[in-house]
Amino acid sequence: MSVHEAPSETGGRHLSRRAMIRLGLGGVLGLFLLEVLGTFVSFYTPRKFGVFGSKVTIGDPKTFAIASITTFVEAKLFLSHVPEGFLAMYWKCPHLGCTVQWHPEEPTEDTLAKLGRFHCPCHGSIYDRHGQIISGPAPRPMDIFTLSLSNGKLVADTSVITQRKHWEPNQAFKA
């Protein structure tokens, strides 16, 4: 007979009060740890909504004017048409992950238009139409997605995010 078991009046064995409390506390602790683990996994699992994380058809490249910025919310990207070609830029700030916003009314940071620049609302990083960091704490330019042509339409692959150290003309897709 073990220490945690006591004989019953009918001759069978049952758990002592101390063993029952230990089992109960162990069960509650186990459930708590499972809940914490579930919360951790849920928090660090990317939330993909819409078409983000797949190939996204953007549209006919002829419909986008030079210096234009078009936002695609479902794909979490900005399409920038610069003289060198097209850039599909991830809207997540490389600093701490805030959503960068396009401000068409702010002074420009390039020579392509009189107004418009990207501005991170969290810590004030400012980017030009190429996604190049102009000022602020961001360590590098905005990340980009690969662009291709399919049936005459631009297609952005949002499943692969490319980090870059600085803007280079060969990063733009020529359609």
Protein backbone atom coordinates (compact mmCIF):
# COMPACT_ATOMS: atom_id res chain seq x y z
CA MET A 1 0.00 0.00 0.00
CA SER A 2 1.45 3.38 -0.94
CA VAL A 3 1.56 6.47 1.21
CA HIS A 4 -1.16 8.16 -0.87
CA GLU A 5 -3.64 5.36 -0.60
CA ALA A 6 -5.56 4.45 2.48
CA PRO A 7 -7.69 1.37 3.09
CA SER A 8 -11.40 1.98 3.05
CA GLU A 9 -13.90 0.38 5.41
CA THR A 10 -15.02 -1.93 2.62
CA GLY A 11 -11.50 -3.20 2.03
CA GLY A 12 -10.91 -1.26 -1.25
CA ARG A 13 -8.42 1.49 -1.68
CA HIS A 14 -9.12 5.21 -2.17
CA LEU A 15 -7.01 8.36 -2.43
CA SER A 16 -6.18 10.28 0.67
CA ARG A 17 -7.33 13.86 0.99
CA ARG A 18 -3.75 15.08 0.50
CA ALA A 19 -3.31 13.05 -2.72
CA MET A 20 -6.67 14.33 -4.04
CA ILE A 21 -5.65 17.95 -3.42
CA ARG A 22 -2.29 17.38 -5.15
CA LEU A 23 -3.99 15.85 -8.18
CA GLY A 24 -6.50 18.71 -8.31
CA LEU A 25 -3.80 21.36 -8.09
CA GLY A 26 -1.70 19.54 -10.70
CA GLY A 27 -4.70 19.43 -13.04
CA VAL A 28 -5.44 23.13 -12.57
CA LEU A 29 -1.76 23.99 -13.14
CA GLY A 30 -1.69 21.80 -16.26
CA LEU A 31 -4.81 23.51 -17.67
CA PHE A 32 -3.30 26.91 -16.92
CA LEU A 33 -0.07 26.02 -18.73
CA LEU A 34 -2.03 24.71 -21.73
CA GLU A 35 -3.97 27.97 -21.86
CA VAL A 36 -0.78 30.04 -21.72
CA LEU A 37 0.77 27.90 -24.48
CA GLY A 38 -2.38 28.29 -26.62
CA THR A 39 -2.32 32.06 -26.15
CA PHE A 40 1.39 32.20 -27.04
CA VAL A 41 0.90 30.12 -30.22
CA SER A 42 -2.15 32.18 -31.21
CA PHE A 43 -0.28 35.47 -30.70
CA TYR A 44 2.76 34.45 -32.76
CA THR A 45 0.84 32.80 -35.61
CA PRO A 46 0.54 35.23 -38.55
CA ARG A 47 -2.99 36.36 -39.26
CA LYS A 48 -3.44 36.06 -42.97
CA PHE A 49 -6.59 37.66 -44.23
CA GLY A 50 -7.79 38.24 -47.74
CA VAL A 51 -5.16 37.39 -50.31
CA PHE A 52 -2.07 38.21 -48.26
CA GLY A 53 0.38 35.32 -48.39
CA SER A 54 -0.45 34.34 -51.96
CA LYS A 55 -0.06 35.64 -55.51
CA VAL A 56 -2.22 38.71 -56.08
CA THR A 57 -3.28 40.04 -59.47
CA ILE A 58 -2.72 43.80 -59.37
CA GLY A 59 -3.91 44.89 -62.81
CA ASP A 60 -2.84 46.20 -66.20
CA PRO A 61 0.47 48.08 -65.84
CA LYS A 62 -0.67 50.65 -68.43
CA THR A 63 -3.37 51.92 -66.03
CA PHE A 64 -0.88 53.17 -63.42
CA ALA A 65 0.61 56.63 -64.03
CA ILE A 66 4.25 57.41 -63.28
CA ALA A 67 4.64 58.62 -59.66
CA SER A 68 1.32 56.99 -58.69
CA ILE A 69 0.89 55.08 -55.45
CA THR A 70 -1.95 52.57 -55.25
CA THR A 71 -2.92 50.82 -52.01
CA PHE A 72 -4.05 47.18 -52.04
CA VAL A 73 -5.48 46.54 -48.56
CA GLU A 74 -6.14 42.82 -49.01
CA ALA A 75 -2.54 42.25 -50.13
CA LYS A 76 -1.01 44.64 -47.54
CA LEU A 77 0.99 46.42 -50.20
CA PHE A 78 1.55 49.70 -51.99
CA LEU A 79 2.19 49.64 -55.73
CA SER A 80 4.56 52.45 -56.66
CA HIS A 81 5.10 53.31 -60.31
CA VAL A 82 8.49 54.98 -60.60
CA PRO A 83 10.44 55.76 -63.79
CA GLU A 84 12.53 52.60 -63.30
CA GLY A 85 9.40 50.39 -63.18
CA PHE A 86 7.04 49.09 -60.48
CA LEU A 87 7.64 48.38 -56.81
CA ALA A 88 5.24 46.31 -54.70
CA MET A 89 6.11 47.44 -51.17
CA TYR A 90 4.97 45.72 -47.98
CA TRP A 91 3.19 48.27 -45.84
CA LYS A 92 4.77 47.03 -42.59
CA CYS A 93 7.39 49.42 -41.20
CA PRO A 94 10.81 47.74 -40.85
CA HIS A 95 11.29 49.53 -37.51
CA LEU A 96 8.68 47.90 -35.25
CA GLY A 97 6.02 46.63 -37.64
CA CYS A 98 3.48 49.46 -37.64
CA THR A 99 1.40 49.98 -40.78
CA VAL A 100 3.03 52.67 -42.91
CA GLN A 101 0.58 55.09 -44.53
CA TRP A 102 0.69 56.98 -47.81
CA HIS A 103 0.08 60.72 -47.33
CA PRO A 104 -0.62 62.36 -50.70
CA GLU A 105 -0.93 65.80 -49.04
CA GLU A 106 2.50 65.83 -47.36
CA PRO A 107 5.59 67.35 -49.01
CA THR A 108 7.35 64.94 -51.33
CA GLU A 109 10.73 63.36 -50.66
CA ASP A 110 11.53 62.79 -54.36
CA THR A 111 11.41 64.72 -57.63
CA LEU A 112 8.61 62.69 -59.22
CA ALA A 113 5.71 64.78 -57.88
CA LYS A 114 5.12 67.89 -55.79
CA LEU A 115 3.31 66.10 -52.97
CA GLY A 116 3.17 62.68 -51.36
CA ARG A 117 5.31 60.46 -49.15
CA PHE A 118 5.06 57.44 -46.90
CA HIS A 119 4.88 58.18 -43.22
CA CYS A 120 4.86 55.69 -40.32
CA PRO A 121 2.41 56.93 -37.66
CA CYS A 122 4.12 55.15 -34.74
CA HIS A 123 7.64 56.57 -34.67
CA GLY A 124 7.71 58.99 -37.60
CA SER A 125 9.83 57.18 -40.19
CA ILE A 126 9.46 58.84 -43.60
CA TYR A 127 9.96 57.13 -46.96
CA ASP A 128 9.91 58.32 -50.57
CA ARG A 129 8.09 56.69 -53.52
CA HIS A 130 10.89 54.13 -53.84
CA GLY A 131 10.36 53.08 -50.21
CA GLN A 132 13.80 54.50 -49.34
CA ILE A 133 14.07 55.65 -45.73
CA ILE A 134 14.49 59.43 -45.57
CA SER A 135 14.28 60.02 -41.82
CA GLY A 136 13.26 58.30 -38.62
CA PRO A 137 14.32 55.24 -36.68
CA ALA A 138 13.64 52.62 -39.38
CA PRO A 139 16.85 50.68 -40.10
CA ARG A 140 16.24 50.12 -43.84
CA PRO A 141 13.86 50.83 -46.73
CA MET A 142 10.39 49.32 -46.92
CA ASP A 143 10.40 45.62 -47.82
CA ILE A 144 9.22 44.56 -51.27
CA PHE A 145 7.34 41.69 -52.93
CA THR A 146 8.31 40.07 -56.22
CA LEU A 147 6.34 41.28 -59.25
CA SER A 148 5.73 39.41 -62.50
CA LEU A 149 3.47 39.58 -65.56
CA SER A 150 0.73 37.05 -66.22
CA ASN A 151 -1.66 37.49 -69.15
CA GLY A 152 -0.66 41.15 -69.38
CA LYS A 153 -1.42 41.83 -65.69
CA LEU A 154 0.95 42.63 -62.85
CA VAL A 155 1.07 39.89 -60.21
CA ALA A 156 2.60 40.36 -56.75
CA ASP A 157 3.78 37.33 -54.77
CA THR A 158 3.01 38.30 -51.15
CA SER A 159 4.24 34.97 -49.79
CA VAL A 160 7.89 36.07 -50.02
CA ILE A 161 9.00 39.34 -48.41
CA THR A 162 12.36 40.72 -49.56
CA GLN A 163 14.35 42.98 -47.25
CA ARG A 164 16.70 45.47 -48.86
CA LYS A 165 19.55 47.61 -47.56
CA HIS A 166 18.88 50.57 -49.84
CA TRP A 167 17.06 51.49 -53.03
CA GLU A 168 18.58 50.26 -56.29
CA PRO A 169 17.00 50.69 -59.74
CA ASN A 170 17.20 46.94 -60.46
CA GLN A 171 14.67 46.36 -57.64
CA ALA A 172 11.91 47.83 -59.83
CA PHE A 173 9.97 45.50 -62.13
CA LYS A 174 9.93 46.66 -65.74
CA ALA A 175 6.59 45.82 -67.35
